[in-house]
PDB file of all heavy atoms in Angstrom:
ATOM      1  N   GLY A   1       0.804  -1.188  -0.007  1.00  0.00           N
ATOM      2  CA  GLY A   1       0.002  -0.022   0.001  1.00  0.00           C
ATOM      3  C   GLY A   1       0.856   1.251   0.009  1.00  0.00           C
ATOM      4  O   GLY A   1       2.101   1.209   0.084  1.00  0.00           O
ATOM      5  N   ILE A   2       0.145   2.397  -0.107  1.00  0.00           N
ATOM      6  CA  ILE A   2       0.746   3.713  -0.120  1.00  0.00           C
ATOM      7  C   ILE A   2       0.081   4.547   0.951  1.00  0.00           C
ATOM      8  O   ILE A   2      -1.120   4.390   1.197  1.00  0.00           O
ATOM      9  CB  ILE A   2       0.618   4.393  -1.528  1.00  0.00           C
ATOM     10  CG1 ILE A   2       1.400   3.580  -2.575  1.00  0.00           C
ATOM     11  CG2 ILE A   2       1.139   5.834  -1.499  1.00  0.00           C
ATOM     12  CD1 ILE A   2       2.936   3.508  -2.314  1.00  0.00           C
ATOM     13  N   ARG A   3       0.818   5.472   1.529  1.00  0.00           N
ATOM     14  CA  ARG A   3       0.261   6.411   2.581  1.00  0.00           C
ATOM     15  C   ARG A   3       0.880   7.747   2.433  1.00  0.00           C
ATOM     16  O   ARG A   3       2.043   7.869   2.009  1.00  0.00           O
ATOM     17  CB  ARG A   3       0.450   5.812   3.969  1.00  0.00           C
ATOM     18  CG  ARG A   3      -0.259   6.624   5.044  1.00  0.00           C
ATOM     19  CD  ARG A   3      -0.105   5.987   6.408  1.00  0.00           C
ATOM     20  NE  ARG A   3       1.115   6.435   7.087  1.00  0.00           N
ATOM     21  CZ  ARG A   3       1.237   6.578   8.423  1.00  0.00           C
ATOM     22  NH1 ARG A   3       0.217   6.287   9.232  1.00  0.00           N
ATOM     23  NH2 ARG A   3       2.400   6.951   8.953  1.00  0.00           N
ATOM     24  N   HIS A   4       0.122   8.756   2.744  1.00  0.00           N
ATOM     25  CA  HIS A   4       0.584  10.124   2.835  1.00  0.00           C
ATOM     26  C   HIS A   4       0.100  10.721   4.130  1.00  0.00           C
ATOM     27  O   HIS A   4      -1.041  10.397   4.573  1.00  0.00           O
ATOM     28  CB  HIS A   4       0.051  10.951   1.607  1.00  0.00           C
ATOM     29  CG  HIS A   4       0.447  12.405   1.671  1.00  0.00           C
ATOM     30  ND1 HIS A   4       1.732  12.845   1.403  1.00  0.00           N
ATOM     31  CD2 HIS A   4      -0.298  13.486   1.936  1.00  0.00           C
ATOM     32  CE1 HIS A   4       1.749  14.175   1.548  1.00  0.00           C
ATOM     33  NE2 HIS A   4       0.532  14.605   1.851  1.00  0.00           N
ATOM     34  N   GLN A   5       0.878  11.658   4.703  1.00  0.00           N
ATOM     35  CA  GLN A   5       0.482  12.306   5.928  1.00  0.00           C
ATOM     36  C   GLN A   5      -0.613  13.337   5.702  1.00  0.00           C
ATOM     37  O   GLN A   5      -0.400  14.539   5.896  1.00  0.00           O
ATOM     38  CB  GLN A   5       1.666  12.904   6.624  1.00  0.00           C
ATOM     39  CG  GLN A   5       2.340  12.053   7.665  1.00  0.00           C
ATOM     40  CD  GLN A   5       3.145  10.888   7.012  1.00  0.00           C
ATOM     41  OE1 GLN A   5       3.234  10.760   5.792  1.00  0.00           O
ATOM     42  NE2 GLN A   5       3.752  10.057   7.833  1.00  0.00           N
ATOM     43  N   VAL A   6      -1.788  12.835   5.320  1.00  0.00           N
ATOM     44  CA  VAL A   6      -2.927  13.749   5.096  1.00  0.00           C
ATOM     45  C   VAL A   6      -3.245  14.574   6.362  1.00  0.00           C
ATOM     46  O   VAL A   6      -3.703  15.681   6.255  1.00  0.00           O
ATOM     47  CB  VAL A   6      -4.150  12.956   4.563  1.00  0.00           C
ATOM     48  CG1 VAL A   6      -5.328  13.842   4.362  1.00  0.00           C
ATOM     49  CG2 VAL A   6      -3.828  12.141   3.337  1.00  0.00           C
ATOM     50  N   GLN A   7      -3.037  14.011   7.482  1.00  0.00           N
ATOM     51  CA  GLN A   7      -3.324  14.683   8.747  1.00  0.00           C
ATOM     52  C   GLN A   7      -2.592  15.989   8.866  1.00  0.00           C
ATOM     53  O   GLN A   7      -3.079  16.908   9.629  1.00  0.00           O
ATOM     54  CB  GLN A   7      -2.923  13.792   9.957  1.00  0.00           C
ATOM     55  CG  GLN A   7      -1.413  13.519  10.037  1.00  0.00           C
ATOM     56  CD  GLN A   7      -1.085  12.672  11.235  1.00  0.00           C
ATOM     57  OE1 GLN A   7      -1.938  12.292  12.020  1.00  0.00           O
ATOM     58  NE2 GLN A   7       0.195  12.318  11.345  1.00  0.00           N
ATOM     59  N   ASP A   8      -1.498  16.176   8.151  1.00  0.00           N
ATOM     60  CA  ASP A   8      -0.774  17.427   8.214  1.00  0.00           C
ATOM     61  C   ASP A   8      -1.139  18.423   7.125  1.00  0.00           C
ATOM     62  O   ASP A   8      -0.556  19.524   7.106  1.00  0.00           O
ATOM     63  CB  ASP A   8       0.745  17.136   8.139  1.00  0.00           C
ATOM     64  CG  ASP A   8       1.251  16.276   9.332  1.00  0.00           C
ATOM     65  OD1 ASP A   8       0.626  16.476  10.408  1.00  0.00           O
ATOM     66  OD2 ASP A   8       2.181  15.499   9.194  1.00  0.00           O
ATOM     67  N   GLU A   9      -1.971  18.015   6.209  1.00  0.00           N
ATOM     68  CA  GLU A   9      -2.396  18.899   5.121  1.00  0.00           C
ATOM     69  C   GLU A   9      -3.383  19.954   5.635  1.00  0.00           C
ATOM     70  O   GLU A   9      -4.383  19.627   6.286  1.00  0.00           O
ATOM     71  CB  GLU A   9      -3.034  18.153   3.987  1.00  0.00           C
ATOM     72  CG  GLU A   9      -2.059  17.178   3.241  1.00  0.00           C
ATOM     73  CD  GLU A   9      -1.012  17.947   2.441  1.00  0.00           C
ATOM     74  OE1 GLU A   9      -1.262  19.159   2.198  1.00  0.00           O
ATOM     75  OE2 GLU A   9      -0.023  17.312   2.071  1.00  0.00           O
ATOM     76  N   PRO A  10      -3.132  21.275   5.403  1.00  0.00           N
ATOM     77  CA  PRO A  10      -4.045  22.313   5.915  1.00  0.00           C
ATOM     78  C   PRO A  10      -5.386  22.286   5.225  1.00  0.00           C
ATOM     79  O   PRO A  10      -6.370  22.721   5.847  1.00  0.00           O
ATOM     80  CB  PRO A  10      -3.326  23.622   5.621  1.00  0.00           C
ATOM     81  CG  PRO A  10      -2.319  23.268   4.557  1.00  0.00           C
ATOM     82  CD  PRO A  10      -1.958  21.847   4.786  1.00  0.00           C
ATOM     83  N   ASP A  11      -5.450  21.765   4.030  1.00  0.00           N
ATOM     84  CA  ASP A  11      -6.751  21.700   3.325  1.00  0.00           C
ATOM     85  C   ASP A  11      -7.510  20.442   3.753  1.00  0.00           C
ATOM     86  O   ASP A  11      -7.081  19.308   3.477  1.00  0.00           O
ATOM     87  CB  ASP A  11      -6.479  21.637   1.778  1.00  0.00           C
ATOM     88  CG  ASP A  11      -7.741  21.575   0.979  1.00  0.00           C
ATOM     89  OD1 ASP A  11      -8.866  21.639   1.566  1.00  0.00           O
ATOM     90  OD2 ASP A  11      -7.663  21.480  -0.273  1.00  0.00           O
ATOM     91  N   PRO A  12      -8.680  20.632   4.414  1.00  0.00           N
ATOM     92  CA  PRO A  12      -9.402  19.433   4.896  1.00  0.00           C
ATOM     93  C   PRO A  12      -9.935  18.562   3.740  1.00  0.00           C
ATOM     94  O   PRO A  12     -10.328  17.392   3.996  1.00  0.00           O
ATOM     95  CB  PRO A  12     -10.556  20.027   5.734  1.00  0.00           C
ATOM     96  CG  PRO A  12     -10.730  21.418   5.162  1.00  0.00           C
ATOM     97  CD  PRO A  12      -9.334  21.907   4.783  1.00  0.00           C
ATOM     98  N   GLU A  13      -9.947  19.085   2.541  1.00  0.00           N
ATOM     99  CA  GLU A  13     -10.386  18.317   1.366  1.00  0.00           C
ATOM    100  C   GLU A  13      -9.265  18.004   0.424  1.00  0.00           C
ATOM    101  O   GLU A  13      -9.457  17.827  -0.791  1.00  0.00           O
ATOM    102  CB  GLU A  13     -11.539  19.106   0.637  1.00  0.00           C
ATOM    103  CG  GLU A  13     -12.785  19.264   1.517  1.00  0.00           C
ATOM    104  CD  GLU A  13     -13.958  19.738   0.718  1.00  0.00           C
ATOM    105  OE1 GLU A  13     -13.785  20.329  -0.352  1.00  0.00           O
ATOM    106  OE2 GLU A  13     -15.109  19.448   1.169  1.00  0.00           O
ATOM    107  N   TRP A  14      -8.077  17.879   0.948  1.00  0.00           N
ATOM    108  CA  TRP A  14      -6.886  17.565   0.128  1.00  0.00           C
ATOM    109  C   TRP A  14      -7.113  16.267  -0.691  1.00  0.00           C
ATOM    110  O   TRP A  14      -6.687  16.213  -1.821  1.00  0.00           O
ATOM    111  CB  TRP A  14      -5.647  17.438   1.079  1.00  0.00           C
ATOM    112  CG  TRP A  14      -4.402  17.159   0.330  1.00  0.00           C
ATOM    113  CD1 TRP A  14      -3.501  18.121  -0.169  1.00  0.00           C
ATOM    114  CD2 TRP A  14      -3.808  15.894   0.042  1.00  0.00           C
ATOM    115  NE1 TRP A  14      -2.471  17.511  -0.735  1.00  0.00           N
ATOM    116  CE2 TRP A  14      -2.593  16.129  -0.664  1.00  0.00           C
ATOM    117  CE3 TRP A  14      -4.133  14.595   0.304  1.00  0.00           C
ATOM    118  CZ2 TRP A  14      -1.753  15.138  -1.077  1.00  0.00           C
ATOM    119  CZ3 TRP A  14      -3.308  13.539  -0.112  1.00  0.00           C
ATOM    120  CH2 TRP A  14      -2.129  13.837  -0.782  1.00  0.00           C
ATOM    121  N   LEU A  15      -7.743  15.299  -0.093  1.00  0.00           N
ATOM    122  CA  LEU A  15      -7.949  14.026  -0.757  1.00  0.00           C
ATOM    123  C   LEU A  15      -8.827  14.156  -1.979  1.00  0.00           C
ATOM    124  O   LEU A  15      -8.811  13.262  -2.839  1.00  0.00           O
ATOM    125  CB  LEU A  15      -8.570  13.019   0.220  1.00  0.00           C
ATOM    126  CG  LEU A  15      -7.642  12.425   1.224  1.00  0.00           C
ATOM    127  CD1 LEU A  15      -8.468  11.776   2.352  1.00  0.00           C
ATOM    128  CD2 LEU A  15      -6.705  11.387   0.598  1.00  0.00           C
ATOM    129  N   LEU A  16      -9.559  15.232  -2.110  1.00  0.00           N
ATOM    130  CA  LEU A  16     -10.508  15.445  -3.175  1.00  0.00           C
ATOM    131  C   LEU A  16      -9.891  16.323  -4.352  1.00  0.00           C
ATOM    132  O   LEU A  16     -10.599  16.591  -5.321  1.00  0.00           O
ATOM    133  CB  LEU A  16     -11.801  16.049  -2.684  1.00  0.00           C
ATOM    134  CG  LEU A  16     -12.552  15.228  -1.679  1.00  0.00           C
ATOM    135  CD1 LEU A  16     -13.783  15.929  -1.185  1.00  0.00           C
ATOM    136  CD2 LEU A  16     -12.869  13.815  -2.260  1.00  0.00           C
ATOM    137  N   ARG A  17      -8.683  16.740  -4.188  1.00  0.00           N
ATOM    138  CA  ARG A  17      -8.046  17.482  -5.244  1.00  0.00           C
ATOM    139  C   ARG A  17      -7.969  16.610  -6.486  1.00  0.00           C
ATOM    140  O   ARG A  17      -7.659  15.406  -6.414  1.00  0.00           O
ATOM    141  CB  ARG A  17      -6.667  17.947  -4.857  1.00  0.00           C
ATOM    142  CG  ARG A  17      -6.651  19.113  -3.844  1.00  0.00           C
ATOM    143  CD  ARG A  17      -5.273  19.451  -3.308  1.00  0.00           C
ATOM    144  NE  ARG A  17      -4.202  19.232  -4.288  1.00  0.00           N
ATOM    145  CZ  ARG A  17      -2.906  19.560  -4.044  1.00  0.00           C
ATOM    146  NH1 ARG A  17      -2.561  20.087  -2.887  1.00  0.00           N
ATOM    147  NH2 ARG A  17      -2.018  19.316  -4.937  1.00  0.00           N
ATOM    148  N   PRO A  18      -8.155  17.146  -7.698  1.00  0.00           N
ATOM    149  CA  PRO A  18      -8.125  16.335  -8.911  1.00  0.00           C
ATOM    150  C   PRO A  18      -6.769  15.615  -9.086  1.00  0.00           C
ATOM    151  O   PRO A  18      -6.760  14.424  -9.497  1.00  0.00           O
ATOM    152  CB  PRO A  18      -8.326  17.351 -10.006  1.00  0.00           C
ATOM    153  CG  PRO A  18      -9.144  18.419  -9.412  1.00  0.00           C
ATOM    154  CD  PRO A  18      -8.641  18.509  -7.975  1.00  0.00           C
ATOM    155  N   ASP A  19      -5.662  16.238  -8.758  1.00  0.00           N
ATOM    156  CA  ASP A  19      -4.355  15.567  -8.924  1.00  0.00           C
ATOM    157  C   ASP A  19      -4.174  14.476  -7.924  1.00  0.00           C
ATOM    158  O   ASP A  19      -3.588  13.439  -8.227  1.00  0.00           O
ATOM    159  CB  ASP A  19      -3.182  16.547  -8.861  1.00  0.00           C
ATOM    160  CG  ASP A  19      -3.175  17.424  -7.572  1.00  0.00           C
ATOM    161  OD1 ASP A  19      -4.210  17.381  -6.850  1.00  0.00           O
ATOM    162  OD2 ASP A  19      -2.174  18.107  -7.355  1.00  0.00           O
ATOM    163  N   VAL A  20      -4.744  14.601  -6.728  1.00  0.00           N
ATOM    164  CA  VAL A  20      -4.667  13.567  -5.707  1.00  0.00           C
ATOM    165  C   VAL A  20      -5.525  12.401  -6.088  1.00  0.00           C
ATOM    166  O   VAL A  20      -5.146  11.197  -6.024  1.00  0.00           O
ATOM    167  CB  VAL A  20      -5.039  14.090  -4.329  1.00  0.00           C
ATOM    168  CG1 VAL A  20      -5.126  13.006  -3.296  1.00  0.00           C
ATOM    169  CG2 VAL A  20      -4.061  15.152  -3.839  1.00  0.00           C
ATOM    170  N   LEU A  21      -6.715  12.677  -6.584  1.00  0.00           N
ATOM    171  CA  LEU A  21      -7.608  11.596  -6.992  1.00  0.00           C
ATOM    172  C   LEU A  21      -6.984  10.797  -8.154  1.00  0.00           C
ATOM    173  O   LEU A  21      -7.148   9.568  -8.225  1.00  0.00           O
ATOM    174  CB  LEU A  21      -8.963  12.160  -7.411  1.00  0.00           C
ATOM    175  CG  LEU A  21      -9.889  12.680  -6.276  1.00  0.00           C
ATOM    176  CD1 LEU A  21     -11.110  13.436  -6.833  1.00  0.00           C
ATOM    177  CD2 LEU A  21     -10.347  11.518  -5.395  1.00  0.00           C
ATOM    178  N   ARG A  22      -6.312  11.510  -9.044  1.00  0.00           N
ATOM    179  CA  ARG A  22      -5.662  10.820 -10.156  1.00  0.00           C
ATOM    180  C   ARG A  22      -4.572   9.920  -9.603  1.00  0.00           C
ATOM    181  O   ARG A  22      -4.366   8.753 -10.077  1.00  0.00           O
ATOM    182  CB  ARG A  22      -5.055  11.856 -11.123  1.00  0.00           C
ATOM    183  CG  ARG A  22      -4.307  11.239 -12.278  1.00  0.00           C
ATOM    184  CD  ARG A  22      -3.653  12.305 -13.158  1.00  0.00           C
ATOM    185  NE  ARG A  22      -2.742  13.151 -12.355  1.00  0.00           N
ATOM    186  CZ  ARG A  22      -1.457  12.773 -12.077  1.00  0.00           C
ATOM    187  NH1 ARG A  22      -1.010  11.577 -12.439  1.00  0.00           N
ATOM    188  NH2 ARG A  22      -0.724  13.577 -11.300  1.00  0.00           N
ATOM    189  N   GLY A  23      -3.808  10.391  -8.595  1.00  0.00           N
ATOM    190  CA  GLY A  23      -2.808   9.519  -7.998  1.00  0.00           C
ATOM    191  C   GLY A  23      -3.380   8.340  -7.290  1.00  0.00           C
ATOM    192  O   GLY A  23      -2.845   7.250  -7.312  1.00  0.00           O
ATOM    193  N   LEU A  24      -4.516   8.554  -6.556  1.00  0.00           N
ATOM    194  CA  LEU A  24      -5.150   7.429  -5.907  1.00  0.00           C
ATOM    195  C   LEU A  24      -5.680   6.416  -6.896  1.00  0.00           C
ATOM    196  O   LEU A  24      -5.570   5.207  -6.641  1.00  0.00           O
ATOM    197  CB  LEU A  24      -6.342   7.960  -5.054  1.00  0.00           C
ATOM    198  CG  LEU A  24      -5.991   8.852  -3.835  1.00  0.00           C
ATOM    199  CD1 LEU A  24      -7.229   9.443  -3.205  1.00  0.00           C
ATOM    200  CD2 LEU A  24      -5.315   7.964  -2.757  1.00  0.00           C
ATOM    201  N   ALA A  25      -6.134   6.870  -8.072  1.00  0.00           N
ATOM    202  CA  ALA A  25      -6.544   5.937  -9.103  1.00  0.00           C
ATOM    203  C   ALA A  25      -5.320   5.070  -9.573  1.00  0.00           C
ATOM    204  O   ALA A  25      -5.477   3.903  -9.812  1.00  0.00           O
ATOM    205  CB  ALA A  25      -7.159   6.692 -10.250  1.00  0.00           C
ATOM    206  N   ALA A  26      -4.164   5.695  -9.617  1.00  0.00           N
ATOM    207  CA  ALA A  26      -2.971   4.931 -10.003  1.00  0.00           C
ATOM    208  C   ALA A  26      -2.588   3.923  -8.984  1.00  0.00           C
ATOM    209  O   ALA A  26      -2.129   2.801  -9.269  1.00  0.00           O
ATOM    210  CB  ALA A  26      -1.814   5.906 -10.222  1.00  0.00           C
ATOM    211  N   VAL A  27      -2.855   4.244  -7.675  1.00  0.00           N
ATOM    212  CA  VAL A  27      -2.607   3.250  -6.617  1.00  0.00           C
ATOM    213  C   VAL A  27      -3.477   2.035  -6.788  1.00  0.00           C
ATOM    214  O   VAL A  27      -3.080   0.888  -6.687  1.00  0.00           O
ATOM    215  CB  VAL A  27      -2.820   3.954  -5.235  1.00  0.00           C
ATOM    216  CG1 VAL A  27      -2.776   2.896  -4.132  1.00  0.00           C
ATOM    217  CG2 VAL A  27      -1.821   5.047  -4.976  1.00  0.00           C
TER     218      VAL A  27
END
């Protein structure tokens, strides 16, 4: 698996950014 320290991201919706969703799809 893959993990990122989302807990430290100031944007509460960081996981919903288009570039992040594209990366998650690659995972």
